[in-house]
């Protein structure tokens, strides 16, 4: 039995999307993050970080969205959405997954919670400093796609593209959203055209960036 603890549009988005894409059944348990349910003792027993997602498979809880989707890819989409371990593309796949998790996603934390690194008095200054860093990250990705696209690994989509699409969605209200960059915008359009994306939006009750 699989269970996904999620909040609409949060980092659980990509896990939920991949479950739909792969046709995997899972019980969905919505976590009311506004009410602080992710900090409850019951939830912290599964995920001591107090964030979503948490994915439970055969009684084993797992956190970190990137790790969850890489695991799902290896188990259920190896050779299709995830390169085989001995495939030449595997190293590039690992590179982009870790880059998105370590160099791109953390910038959103700074944007949404600018008081954390520097205090409330400096929140706006922090935001102004992180904007060019986010846009530079998009430019590097767009440059890569221009030379090696249309997907991160070339001609076929991988789980890394699902992850990138979630991050692009998160930028929709920023001064220069990711899909304003031409090659990122083209990738986003391809990924949003997948039937699984429409199903995900219906299930999570999302309407923006559709």
C-alpha atoms as a PDB file:
ATOM      1  CA  UNK A   1       0.000   0.000   0.000  1.00  0.00           C
ATOM      2  CA  UNK A   2       1.315   3.416  -0.979  1.00  0.00           C
ATOM      3  CA  UNK A   3       0.371   6.663   0.749  1.00  0.00           C
ATOM      4  CA  UNK A   4       1.287  10.207  -0.251  1.00  0.00           C
ATOM      5  CA  UNK A   5       0.998  13.013   2.263  1.00  0.00           C
ATOM      6  CA  UNK A   6       0.639  16.139   0.160  1.00  0.00           C
ATOM      7  CA  UNK A   7      -0.400  19.780   0.005  1.00  0.00           C
ATOM      8  CA  UNK A   8      -1.711  21.176  -3.307  1.00  0.00           C
ATOM      9  CA  UNK A   9       1.039  22.803  -5.335  1.00  0.00           C
ATOM     10  CA  UNK A  10       3.771  22.138  -2.756  1.00  0.00           C
ATOM     11  CA  UNK A  11       6.854  19.972  -3.302  1.00  0.00           C
ATOM     12  CA  UNK A  12       4.566  16.946  -3.183  1.00  0.00           C
ATOM     13  CA  UNK A  13       3.268  18.146  -6.576  1.00  0.00           C
ATOM     14  CA  UNK A  14       5.948  16.299  -8.547  1.00  0.00           C
ATOM     15  CA  UNK A  15       5.523  13.066  -6.573  1.00  0.00           C
ATOM     16  CA  UNK A  16       1.769  13.108  -7.108  1.00  0.00           C
ATOM     17  CA  UNK A  17       2.294  13.893 -10.801  1.00  0.00           C
ATOM     18  CA  UNK A  18       4.697  11.006 -11.269  1.00  0.00           C
ATOM     19  CA  UNK A  19       2.376   8.553  -9.523  1.00  0.00           C
ATOM     20  CA  UNK A  20      -0.318   9.520 -12.028  1.00  0.00           C
ATOM     21  CA  UNK A  21       2.087   9.378 -14.973  1.00  0.00           C
ATOM     22  CA  UNK A  22       3.213   5.876 -14.004  1.00  0.00           C
ATOM     23  CA  UNK A  23      -0.285   4.615 -13.224  1.00  0.00           C
ATOM     24  CA  UNK A  24       0.554   3.824  -9.614  1.00  0.00           C
ATOM     25  CA  UNK A  25      -2.234   3.701  -7.057  1.00  0.00           C
ATOM     26  CA  UNK A  26      -1.703   5.562  -3.808  1.00  0.00           C
ATOM     27  CA  UNK A  27      -3.845   6.794  -0.964  1.00  0.00           C
ATOM     28  CA  UNK A  28      -3.756  10.588  -0.861  1.00  0.00           C
ATOM     29  CA  UNK A  29      -3.708  12.291   2.524  1.00  0.00           C
ATOM     30  CA  UNK A  30      -3.979  16.046   2.309  1.00  0.00           C
ATOM     31  CA  UNK A  31      -1.928  17.934   4.895  1.00  0.00           C
ATOM     32  CA  UNK A  32      -3.325  21.303   5.944  1.00  0.00           C
ATOM     33  CA  UNK A  33      -0.047  23.194   6.118  1.00  0.00           C
ATOM     34  CA  UNK A  34      -1.819  26.499   6.870  1.00  0.00           C
ATOM     35  CA  UNK A  35      -3.160  24.905  10.039  1.00  0.00           C
ATOM     36  CA  UNK A  36       0.247  23.440  10.882  1.00  0.00           C
ATOM     37  CA  UNK A  37      -0.697  19.782  10.507  1.00  0.00           C
ATOM     38  CA  UNK A  38       2.801  19.082   9.184  1.00  0.00           C
ATOM     39  CA  UNK A  39       4.121  19.934  12.660  1.00  0.00           C
ATOM     40  CA  UNK A  40       1.816  17.564  14.517  1.00  0.00           C
ATOM     41  CA  UNK A  41       3.415  14.736  16.530  1.00  0.00           C
ATOM     42  CA  UNK A  42       1.731  12.168  14.293  1.00  0.00           C
ATOM     43  CA  UNK A  43       3.183  13.680  11.135  1.00  0.00           C
ATOM     44  CA  UNK A  44       6.614  14.324  12.645  1.00  0.00           C
ATOM     45  CA  UNK A  45       6.809  10.631  13.502  1.00  0.00           C
ATOM     46  CA  UNK A  46       6.779   9.994   9.737  1.00  0.00           C
ATOM     47  CA  UNK A  47       8.772  13.017   8.615  1.00  0.00           C
ATOM     48  CA  UNK A  48      10.808  14.772  11.324  1.00  0.00           C
ATOM     49  CA  UNK A  49      11.428  17.711   8.975  1.00  0.00           C
ATOM     50  CA  UNK A  50       7.770  18.724   9.261  1.00  0.00           C
ATOM     51  CA  UNK A  51       7.275  19.378   5.547  1.00  0.00           C
ATOM     52  CA  UNK A  52       5.556  17.720   2.612  1.00  0.00           C
ATOM     53  CA  UNK A  53       5.836  15.379   0.876  1.00  0.00           C
ATOM     54  CA  UNK A  54       6.035  12.181   2.814  1.00  0.00           C
ATOM     55  CA  UNK A  55       5.646   9.013   0.791  1.00  0.00           C
ATOM     56  CA  UNK A  56       4.980   5.702   2.496  1.00  0.00           C
ATOM     57  CA  UNK A  57       5.516   2.499   0.529  1.00  0.00           C
ATOM     58  CA  UNK A  58       5.103  -0.887   2.194  1.00  0.00           C
ATOM     59  CA  UNK A  59       5.180   0.783   5.595  1.00  0.00           C
ATOM     60  CA  UNK A  60       8.434   2.657   4.991  1.00  0.00           C
ATOM     61  CA  UNK A  61       8.138   6.462   5.104  1.00  0.00           C
ATOM     62  CA  UNK A  62      10.361   8.522   2.832  1.00  0.00           C
ATOM     63  CA  UNK A  63      10.874  12.269   2.488  1.00  0.00           C
ATOM     64  CA  UNK A  64      12.662  14.602   0.010  1.00  0.00           C
ATOM     65  CA  UNK A  65      10.722  14.935  -3.242  1.00  0.00           C
ATOM     66  CA  UNK A  66      13.772  14.483  -5.481  1.00  0.00           C
ATOM     67  CA  UNK A  67      14.751  11.264  -3.727  1.00  0.00           C
ATOM     68  CA  UNK A  68      11.195   9.932  -3.878  1.00  0.00           C
ATOM     69  CA  UNK A  69      10.789  10.529  -7.603  1.00  0.00           C
ATOM     70  CA  UNK A  70      14.225   9.085  -8.393  1.00  0.00           C
ATOM     71  CA  UNK A  71      13.254   5.973  -6.445  1.00  0.00           C
ATOM     72  CA  UNK A  72       9.933   5.712  -8.262  1.00  0.00           C
ATOM     73  CA  UNK A  73      11.709   6.146 -11.565  1.00  0.00           C
ATOM     74  CA  UNK A  74      14.188   3.367 -10.886  1.00  0.00           C
ATOM     75  CA  UNK A  75      11.471   1.018  -9.680  1.00  0.00           C
ATOM     76  CA  UNK A  76       8.770   1.660 -12.233  1.00  0.00           C
ATOM     77  CA  UNK A  77      10.172   3.627 -15.192  1.00  0.00           C
ATOM     78  CA  UNK A  78      13.758   2.441 -15.551  1.00  0.00           C
ATOM     79  CA  UNK A  79      14.901   2.780 -19.138  1.00  0.00           C
ATOM     80  CA  UNK A  80      11.949   5.041 -19.924  1.00  0.00           C
ATOM     81  CA  UNK A  81      11.782   8.110 -17.683  1.00  0.00           C
ATOM     82  CA  UNK A  82      14.916   7.194 -15.733  1.00  0.00           C
ATOM     83  CA  UNK A  83      18.102   6.013 -17.472  1.00  0.00           C
ATOM     84  CA  UNK A  84      19.331   2.564 -16.525  1.00  0.00           C
ATOM     85  CA  UNK A  85      22.188   2.510 -14.005  1.00  0.00           C
ATOM     86  CA  UNK A  86      24.701   1.532 -16.686  1.00  0.00           C
ATOM     87  CA  UNK A  87      23.349   3.856 -19.392  1.00  0.00           C
ATOM     88  CA  UNK A  88      25.621   6.676 -20.604  1.00  0.00           C
ATOM     89  CA  UNK A  89      22.867   9.178 -19.780  1.00  0.00           C
ATOM     90  CA  UNK A  90      22.686   8.123 -16.128  1.00  0.00           C
ATOM     91  CA  UNK A  91      25.451  10.475 -15.008  1.00  0.00           C
ATOM     92  CA  UNK A  92      23.814  13.416 -16.759  1.00  0.00           C
ATOM     93  CA  UNK A  93      20.458  12.508 -15.229  1.00  0.00           C
ATOM     94  CA  UNK A  94      21.980  12.405 -11.738  1.00  0.00           C
ATOM     95  CA  UNK A  95      23.707  15.724 -12.404  1.00  0.00           C
ATOM     96  CA  UNK A  96      20.485  17.539 -13.301  1.00  0.00           C
ATOM     97  CA  UNK A  97      18.482  16.017 -10.463  1.00  0.00           C
ATOM     98  CA  UNK A  98      21.074  17.114  -7.914  1.00  0.00           C
ATOM     99  CA  UNK A  99      21.461  20.508  -9.558  1.00  0.00           C
ATOM    100  CA  UNK A 100      17.726  21.181  -9.366  1.00  0.00           C
ATOM    101  CA  UNK A 101      17.557  19.983  -5.762  1.00  0.00           C
ATOM    102  CA  UNK A 102      20.691  21.767  -4.518  1.00  0.00           C
ATOM    103  CA  UNK A 103      21.127  24.854  -6.697  1.00  0.00           C
ATOM    104  CA  UNK A 104      17.628  25.829  -7.861  1.00  0.00           C
ATOM    105  CA  UNK A 105      14.964  24.720  -5.376  1.00  0.00           C
ATOM    106  CA  UNK A 106      16.700  26.309  -2.324  1.00  0.00           C
ATOM    107  CA  UNK A 107      16.460  29.733  -3.986  1.00  0.00           C
ATOM    108  CA  UNK A 108      12.684  29.538  -3.688  1.00  0.00           C
ATOM    109  CA  UNK A 109      12.971  29.118   0.073  1.00  0.00           C
ATOM    110  CA  UNK A 110      14.860  32.413   0.185  1.00  0.00           C
ATOM    111  CA  UNK A 111      12.214  34.091  -1.994  1.00  0.00           C
ATOM    112  CA  UNK A 112       9.253  32.869   0.047  1.00  0.00           C
ATOM    113  CA  UNK A 113      10.847  33.224   3.501  1.00  0.00           C
ATOM    114  CA  UNK A 114      13.335  36.104   3.148  1.00  0.00           C
ATOM    115  CA  UNK A 115      13.245  36.787   6.876  1.00  0.00           C
ATOM    116  CA  UNK A 116      14.909  33.453   7.661  1.00  0.00           C
ATOM    117  CA  UNK A 117      18.466  34.284   6.524  1.00  0.00           C
ATOM    118  CA  UNK A 118      18.545  37.934   7.573  1.00  0.00           C
ATOM    119  CA  UNK A 119      15.566  38.848   9.788  1.00  0.00           C
ATOM    120  CA  UNK A 120      12.363  40.735   9.071  1.00  0.00           C
ATOM    121  CA  UNK A 121      14.091  44.104   8.756  1.00  0.00           C
ATOM    122  CA  UNK A 122      16.130  42.866   5.803  1.00  0.00           C
ATOM    123  CA  UNK A 123      13.486  40.711   4.110  1.00  0.00           C
ATOM    124  CA  UNK A 124      12.968  42.965   1.104  1.00  0.00           C
ATOM    125  CA  UNK A 125      16.706  43.368   0.579  1.00  0.00           C
ATOM    126  CA  UNK A 126      17.105  39.597   0.635  1.00  0.00           C
ATOM    127  CA  UNK A 127      14.396  39.215  -1.999  1.00  0.00           C
ATOM    128  CA  UNK A 128      16.044  41.761  -4.248  1.00  0.00           C
ATOM    129  CA  UNK A 129      19.329  39.908  -3.919  1.00  0.00           C
ATOM    130  CA  UNK A 130      17.875  36.499  -4.741  1.00  0.00           C
ATOM    131  CA  UNK A 131      15.942  37.589  -7.856  1.00  0.00           C
ATOM    132  CA  UNK A 132      19.043  37.782 -10.098  1.00  0.00           C
ATOM    133  CA  UNK A 133      20.247  34.437  -8.744  1.00  0.00           C
ATOM    134  CA  UNK A 134      16.961  32.775  -9.704  1.00  0.00           C
ATOM    135  CA  UNK A 135      16.964  34.375 -13.140  1.00  0.00           C
ATOM    136  CA  UNK A 136      20.589  33.354 -13.680  1.00  0.00           C
ATOM    137  CA  UNK A 137      19.625  29.762 -12.855  1.00  0.00           C
ATOM    138  CA  UNK A 138      16.853  29.899 -15.463  1.00  0.00           C
ATOM    139  CA  UNK A 139      19.253  31.365 -18.022  1.00  0.00           C
ATOM    140  CA  UNK A 140      21.763  28.549 -17.513  1.00  0.00           C
ATOM    141  CA  UNK A 141      19.034  25.971 -17.941  1.00  0.00           C
ATOM    142  CA  UNK A 142      17.664  27.734 -20.998  1.00  0.00           C
ATOM    143  CA  UNK A 143      21.143  27.844 -22.538  1.00  0.00           C
ATOM    144  CA  UNK A 144      21.537  24.116 -21.944  1.00  0.00           C
ATOM    145  CA  UNK A 145      18.209  23.374 -23.590  1.00  0.00           C
ATOM    146  CA  UNK A 146      19.104  25.556 -26.551  1.00  0.00           C
ATOM    147  CA  UNK A 147      22.136  23.363 -27.226  1.00  0.00           C
ATOM    148  CA  UNK A 148      20.982  19.973 -25.980  1.00  0.00           C
ATOM    149  CA  UNK A 149      17.163  20.034 -25.760  1.00  0.00           C
ATOM    150  CA  UNK A 150      14.299  20.025 -26.067  1.00  0.00           C
ATOM    151  CA  UNK A 151      14.504  18.116 -22.737  1.00  0.00           C
ATOM    152  CA  UNK A 152      17.256  18.099 -20.132  1.00  0.00           C
ATOM    153  CA  UNK A 153      18.613  14.774 -21.404  1.00  0.00           C
ATOM    154  CA  UNK A 154      18.036  15.548 -25.065  1.00  0.00           C
ATOM    155  CA  UNK A 155      15.249  14.191 -27.233  1.00  0.00           C
ATOM    156  CA  UNK A 156      13.194  12.346 -24.612  1.00  0.00           C
ATOM    157  CA  UNK A 157      11.684  13.498 -21.306  1.00  0.00           C
ATOM    158  CA  UNK A 158      12.932  12.168 -18.003  1.00  0.00           C
ATOM    159  CA  UNK A 159      11.933  12.529 -14.388  1.00  0.00           C
ATOM    160  CA  UNK A 160      14.275  15.529 -14.244  1.00  0.00           C
ATOM    161  CA  UNK A 161      11.903  17.365 -16.606  1.00  0.00           C
ATOM    162  CA  UNK A 162       8.948  16.684 -14.308  1.00  0.00           C
ATOM    163  CA  UNK A 163      10.946  18.127 -11.434  1.00  0.00           C
ATOM    164  CA  UNK A 164      12.035  21.155 -13.471  1.00  0.00           C
ATOM    165  CA  UNK A 165       8.442  21.815 -14.525  1.00  0.00           C
ATOM    166  CA  UNK A 166       7.305  21.958 -10.898  1.00  0.00           C
ATOM    167  CA  UNK A 167      10.046  24.475 -10.127  1.00  0.00           C
ATOM    168  CA  UNK A 168       9.086  26.533 -13.162  1.00  0.00           C
ATOM    169  CA  UNK A 169       5.495  26.598 -11.945  1.00  0.00           C
ATOM    170  CA  UNK A 170       6.689  27.962  -8.620  1.00  0.00           C
ATOM    171  CA  UNK A 171       8.191  30.961 -10.423  1.00  0.00           C
ATOM    172  CA  UNK A 172       4.873  31.990 -12.023  1.00  0.00           C
ATOM    173  CA  UNK A 173       4.451  35.097  -9.820  1.00  0.00           C
ATOM    174  CA  UNK A 174       8.092  36.186  -9.839  1.00  0.00           C
ATOM    175  CA  UNK A 175       9.306  39.233 -11.788  1.00  0.00           C
ATOM    176  CA  UNK A 176      10.494  37.044 -14.679  1.00  0.00           C
ATOM    177  CA  UNK A 177       8.888  33.593 -14.591  1.00  0.00           C
ATOM    178  CA  UNK A 178      10.851  30.660 -15.983  1.00  0.00           C
ATOM    179  CA  UNK A 179       8.546  30.151 -18.938  1.00  0.00           C
ATOM    180  CA  UNK A 180       9.479  33.603 -20.258  1.00  0.00           C
ATOM    181  CA  UNK A 181      12.802  32.056 -21.266  1.00  0.00           C
ATOM    182  CA  UNK A 182      12.147  30.584 -24.729  1.00  0.00           C
ATOM    183  CA  UNK A 183      13.485  27.056 -24.381  1.00  0.00           C
ATOM    184  CA  UNK A 184      12.200  26.636 -20.834  1.00  0.00           C
ATOM    185  CA  UNK A 185       8.826  27.890 -22.026  1.00  0.00           C
ATOM    186  CA  UNK A 186       8.805  25.313 -24.809  1.00  0.00           C
ATOM    187  CA  UNK A 187       9.667  22.535 -22.372  1.00  0.00           C
ATOM    188  CA  UNK A 188       6.944  23.692 -19.975  1.00  0.00           C
ATOM    189  CA  UNK A 189       4.369  23.645 -22.790  1.00  0.00           C
ATOM    190  CA  UNK A 190       5.317  20.065 -23.691  1.00  0.00           C
ATOM    191  CA  UNK A 191       5.140  18.854 -20.112  1.00  0.00           C
ATOM    192  CA  UNK A 192       1.831  20.632 -19.401  1.00  0.00           C
ATOM    193  CA  UNK A 193       0.340  18.949 -22.459  1.00  0.00           C
ATOM    194  CA  UNK A 194       0.761  15.509 -20.909  1.00  0.00           C
ATOM    195  CA  UNK A 195      -2.599  14.004 -19.848  1.00  0.00           C
ATOM    196  CA  UNK A 196      -1.181  13.286 -16.402  1.00  0.00           C
ATOM    197  CA  UNK A 197      -0.717  17.022 -15.817  1.00  0.00           C
ATOM    198  CA  UNK A 198      -4.409  17.731 -16.386  1.00  0.00           C
ATOM    199  CA  UNK A 199      -5.319  14.875 -14.048  1.00  0.00           C
ATOM    200  CA  UNK A 200      -2.974  16.228 -11.397  1.00  0.00           C
ATOM    201  CA  UNK A 201      -4.529  19.697 -11.603  1.00  0.00           C
ATOM    202  CA  UNK A 202      -8.006  18.228 -11.284  1.00  0.00           C
ATOM    203  CA  UNK A 203      -7.082  16.138  -8.260  1.00  0.00           C
ATOM    204  CA  UNK A 204      -5.268  18.959  -6.459  1.00  0.00           C
ATOM    205  CA  UNK A 205      -7.835  21.612  -7.376  1.00  0.00           C
ATOM    206  CA  UNK A 206      -5.272  23.831  -9.094  1.00  0.00           C
ATOM    207  CA  UNK A 207      -6.092  26.373 -11.799  1.00  0.00           C
ATOM    208  CA  UNK A 208      -3.128  28.735 -12.116  1.00  0.00           C
ATOM    209  CA  UNK A 209      -0.345  28.165 -14.686  1.00  0.00           C
ATOM    210  CA  UNK A 210      -2.498  25.574 -16.449  1.00  0.00           C
END
